[in-house]
Amino acid sequence: MVYNEASQGFEVFDEGVKIGEVTWSIGGKILIIEHTFVSPDYRGQGIAEELVFNAVAKARREGYKIMPLCPFAKKEFEQKSEYGDVLYVSAGQ
């Protein structure tokens, strides 16, 4: 797992080839997860879950809330109540 500051995200490589990533944008103290991807040959191995987990850990360390816009990240937040401490909830919700 490698943090890529330029693309604002984490990447996973296998023998030098990128096989997965989670990317976000930041607005104030909100980390907006926009995209999670794992190469089809590597799916089903928990890589996407690990990518989102690392984004959550970053948010906790750096005081961000997360707005999960990408469908996979949104599902992870719905299924894992332990992520509730970093979930961004707008005032209108």
Protein backbone atom coordinates (compact mmCIF):
# COMPACT_ATOMS: atom_id res chain seq x y z
CA MET A 1 0.00 0.00 0.00
CA VAL A 2 1.50 3.29 -1.12
CA TYR A 3 0.20 6.78 -0.44
CA ASN A 4 0.28 8.92 -3.58
CA GLU A 5 0.15 12.56 -2.56
CA ALA A 6 -0.11 13.79 -6.16
CA SER A 7 -3.29 11.84 -6.91
CA GLN A 8 -4.55 12.03 -3.31
CA GLY A 9 -5.02 8.37 -2.67
CA PHE A 10 -3.60 4.97 -1.87
CA GLU A 11 -2.34 2.56 -4.49
CA VAL A 12 -1.54 -1.15 -4.43
CA PHE A 13 1.05 -2.71 -6.73
CA ASP A 14 1.97 -6.25 -7.70
CA GLU A 15 5.45 -6.59 -9.18
CA GLY A 16 5.47 -2.92 -10.13
CA VAL A 17 2.04 -2.92 -11.77
CA LYS A 18 -0.75 -0.90 -10.14
CA ILE A 19 -3.62 -3.25 -9.33
CA GLY A 20 -5.81 -1.04 -7.17
CA GLU A 21 -6.44 2.44 -5.89
CA VAL A 22 -8.70 4.62 -3.80
CA THR A 23 -8.73 8.34 -4.59
CA TRP A 24 -10.31 11.35 -2.95
CA SER A 25 -10.53 15.10 -2.95
CA ILE A 26 -10.43 17.27 0.13
CA GLY A 27 -12.74 20.14 0.96
CA GLY A 28 -12.02 21.75 4.31
CA LYS A 29 -11.93 18.88 6.79
CA ILE A 30 -13.92 16.53 4.54
CA LEU A 31 -12.17 13.75 2.65
CA ILE A 32 -14.44 12.84 -0.28
CA ILE A 33 -13.80 9.31 -1.55
CA GLU A 34 -14.50 9.52 -5.26
CA HIS A 35 -13.13 6.28 -6.69
CA THR A 36 -12.13 2.79 -5.60
CA PHE A 37 -10.79 0.34 -8.17
CA VAL A 38 -9.18 -3.09 -8.16
CA SER A 39 -8.04 -4.84 -11.34
CA PRO A 40 -10.46 -7.68 -12.22
CA ASP A 41 -7.72 -10.31 -11.80
CA TYR A 42 -7.28 -9.27 -8.15
CA ARG A 43 -10.87 -8.84 -7.03
CA GLY A 44 -12.26 -10.93 -4.19
CA GLN A 45 -9.03 -10.74 -2.20
CA GLY A 46 -10.02 -7.92 0.17
CA ILE A 47 -7.86 -5.31 -1.58
CA ALA A 48 -10.66 -2.76 -2.03
CA GLU A 49 -11.66 -3.17 1.60
CA GLU A 50 -8.04 -2.58 2.65
CA LEU A 51 -7.87 0.56 0.50
CA VAL A 52 -10.97 2.03 2.16
CA PHE A 53 -9.67 0.96 5.59
CA ASN A 54 -6.47 2.92 4.95
CA ALA A 55 -8.45 6.00 3.90
CA VAL A 56 -10.42 5.72 7.16
CA ALA A 57 -7.18 5.41 9.15
CA LYS A 58 -5.80 8.53 7.43
CA ALA A 59 -9.00 10.43 8.24
CA ARG A 60 -8.75 9.42 11.89
CA ARG A 61 -5.08 10.41 12.14
CA GLU A 62 -5.56 13.76 10.44
CA GLY A 63 -8.97 14.78 11.80
CA TYR A 64 -11.04 14.43 8.63
CA LYS A 65 -14.61 13.27 8.17
CA ILE A 66 -15.29 11.10 5.10
CA MET A 67 -17.98 11.55 2.50
CA PRO A 68 -18.05 8.24 0.59
CA LEU A 69 -19.30 9.10 -2.90
CA CYS A 70 -18.00 6.05 -4.76
CA PRO A 71 -20.45 3.12 -4.60
CA PHE A 72 -17.94 0.68 -3.09
CA ALA A 73 -16.85 3.03 -0.31
CA LYS A 74 -20.48 3.92 0.39
CA LYS A 75 -21.28 0.21 0.80
CA GLU A 76 -18.32 -0.24 3.13
CA PHE A 77 -19.58 2.58 5.36
CA GLU A 78 -23.09 1.10 5.38
CA GLN A 79 -21.76 -2.33 6.39
CA LYS A 80 -19.09 -1.29 8.90
CA SER A 81 -20.48 0.60 11.85
CA GLU A 82 -16.93 1.02 13.18
CA TYR A 83 -16.40 3.65 10.46
CA GLY A 84 -19.19 5.81 11.91
CA ASP A 85 -16.79 8.04 13.82
CA VAL A 86 -15.39 9.45 10.56
CA LEU A 87 -18.56 9.47 8.49
CA TYR A 88 -19.53 12.97 7.35
CA VAL A 89 -23.18 13.72 7.99
CA SER A 90 -24.47 16.97 6.53
CA ALA A 91 -26.63 19.26 8.64
CA GLY A 92 -29.65 18.44 6.45
CA GLN A 93 -29.54 14.69 7.18
